[in-house]
């Protein structure tokens, strides 16, 4: 049985040493190595409707009903309060 390779990384944000089974070209490891995610924001239907009907208070509700996900690795950065 061949040995499983273990890769060693340094988290740029915390300078922490990390050992992982994921290769360097895996999307999660690319985000770890660069120290940044590629955020994509999506707003929920409830927030958009609130922004339209209850302007200007609805703008705040719309901002609370947003979901931010990394397009590269798929990590959910912020789920908002309305799930």
Protein backbone atom coordinates (compact mmCIF):
# COMPACT_ATOMS: atom_id res chain seq x y z
CA UNK A 1 0.00 0.00 0.00
CA UNK A 2 1.54 3.38 -1.00
CA UNK A 3 2.10 6.00 1.67
CA UNK A 4 -0.35 8.91 1.76
CA UNK A 5 1.47 12.22 1.17
CA UNK A 6 1.16 14.87 3.86
CA UNK A 7 1.49 18.50 2.78
CA UNK A 8 2.70 21.26 5.09
CA UNK A 9 1.36 24.82 4.80
CA UNK A 10 1.73 28.13 6.58
CA UNK A 11 -1.43 30.15 7.21
CA UNK A 12 -0.53 33.69 6.13
CA UNK A 13 -3.12 35.27 8.41
CA UNK A 14 -1.92 33.61 11.63
CA UNK A 15 1.54 32.20 10.70
CA UNK A 16 0.28 28.84 11.97
CA UNK A 17 1.88 25.67 10.57
CA UNK A 18 -0.72 23.28 9.13
CA UNK A 19 -0.35 19.68 7.97
CA UNK A 20 -3.00 18.52 5.52
CA UNK A 21 -3.77 15.67 3.16
CA UNK A 22 -5.11 18.14 0.57
CA UNK A 23 -2.74 18.93 -2.32
CA UNK A 24 -1.54 22.49 -3.01
CA UNK A 25 -3.86 22.90 -6.01
CA UNK A 26 -7.02 22.12 -3.99
CA UNK A 27 -9.30 25.21 -3.75
CA UNK A 28 -9.30 25.23 0.08
CA UNK A 29 -5.50 25.18 0.16
CA UNK A 30 -5.27 27.97 -2.43
CA UNK A 31 -7.42 30.16 -0.16
CA UNK A 32 -5.25 29.19 2.81
CA UNK A 33 -2.00 29.92 0.98
CA UNK A 34 -3.13 33.30 -0.36
CA UNK A 35 -4.76 34.26 2.93
CA UNK A 36 -7.91 35.53 1.24
CA UNK A 37 -11.23 34.24 -0.03
CA UNK A 38 -13.12 35.35 -3.13
CA UNK A 39 -16.43 36.49 -1.60
CA UNK A 40 -19.74 36.37 -3.45
CA UNK A 41 -22.74 38.02 -1.79
CA UNK A 42 -26.32 36.91 -2.33
CA UNK A 43 -29.33 38.61 -0.78
CA UNK A 44 -32.41 36.69 0.34
CA UNK A 45 -35.89 37.26 -1.00
CA UNK A 46 -37.13 38.47 2.39
CA UNK A 47 -34.45 41.15 2.53
CA UNK A 48 -35.08 42.36 -1.00
CA UNK A 49 -38.83 42.62 -0.40
CA UNK A 50 -38.24 44.44 2.89
CA UNK A 51 -35.89 46.89 1.14
CA UNK A 52 -38.56 47.67 -1.46
CA UNK A 53 -41.62 47.95 0.78
CA UNK A 54 -40.12 49.40 3.98
CA UNK A 55 -37.52 51.77 2.58
CA UNK A 56 -35.22 53.01 4.27
CA UNK A 57 -35.57 50.60 7.24
CA UNK A 58 -35.79 47.69 4.81
CA UNK A 59 -32.24 48.37 3.58
CA UNK A 60 -30.95 47.35 7.01
CA UNK A 61 -33.07 44.21 6.93
CA UNK A 62 -31.73 43.43 3.45
CA UNK A 63 -28.16 43.71 4.73
CA UNK A 64 -28.97 41.32 7.57
CA UNK A 65 -30.45 38.80 5.11
CA UNK A 66 -27.31 38.30 3.02
CA UNK A 67 -25.15 35.25 2.54
CA UNK A 68 -21.46 35.52 1.67
CA UNK A 69 -19.74 32.46 0.18
CA UNK A 70 -16.23 32.00 -1.22
CA UNK A 71 -16.52 31.20 -4.92
CA UNK A 72 -13.14 29.44 -4.95
CA UNK A 73 -13.45 26.98 -2.05
CA UNK A 74 -17.17 27.13 -1.21
CA UNK A 75 -16.71 28.21 2.44
CA UNK A 76 -19.74 30.02 3.89
CA UNK A 77 -18.21 33.23 5.26
CA UNK A 78 -21.41 34.81 6.57
CA UNK A 79 -24.83 33.12 6.65
CA UNK A 80 -26.86 36.15 7.75
CA UNK A 81 -29.59 35.97 10.37
CA UNK A 82 -32.41 34.63 8.17
CA UNK A 83 -31.59 31.10 7.11
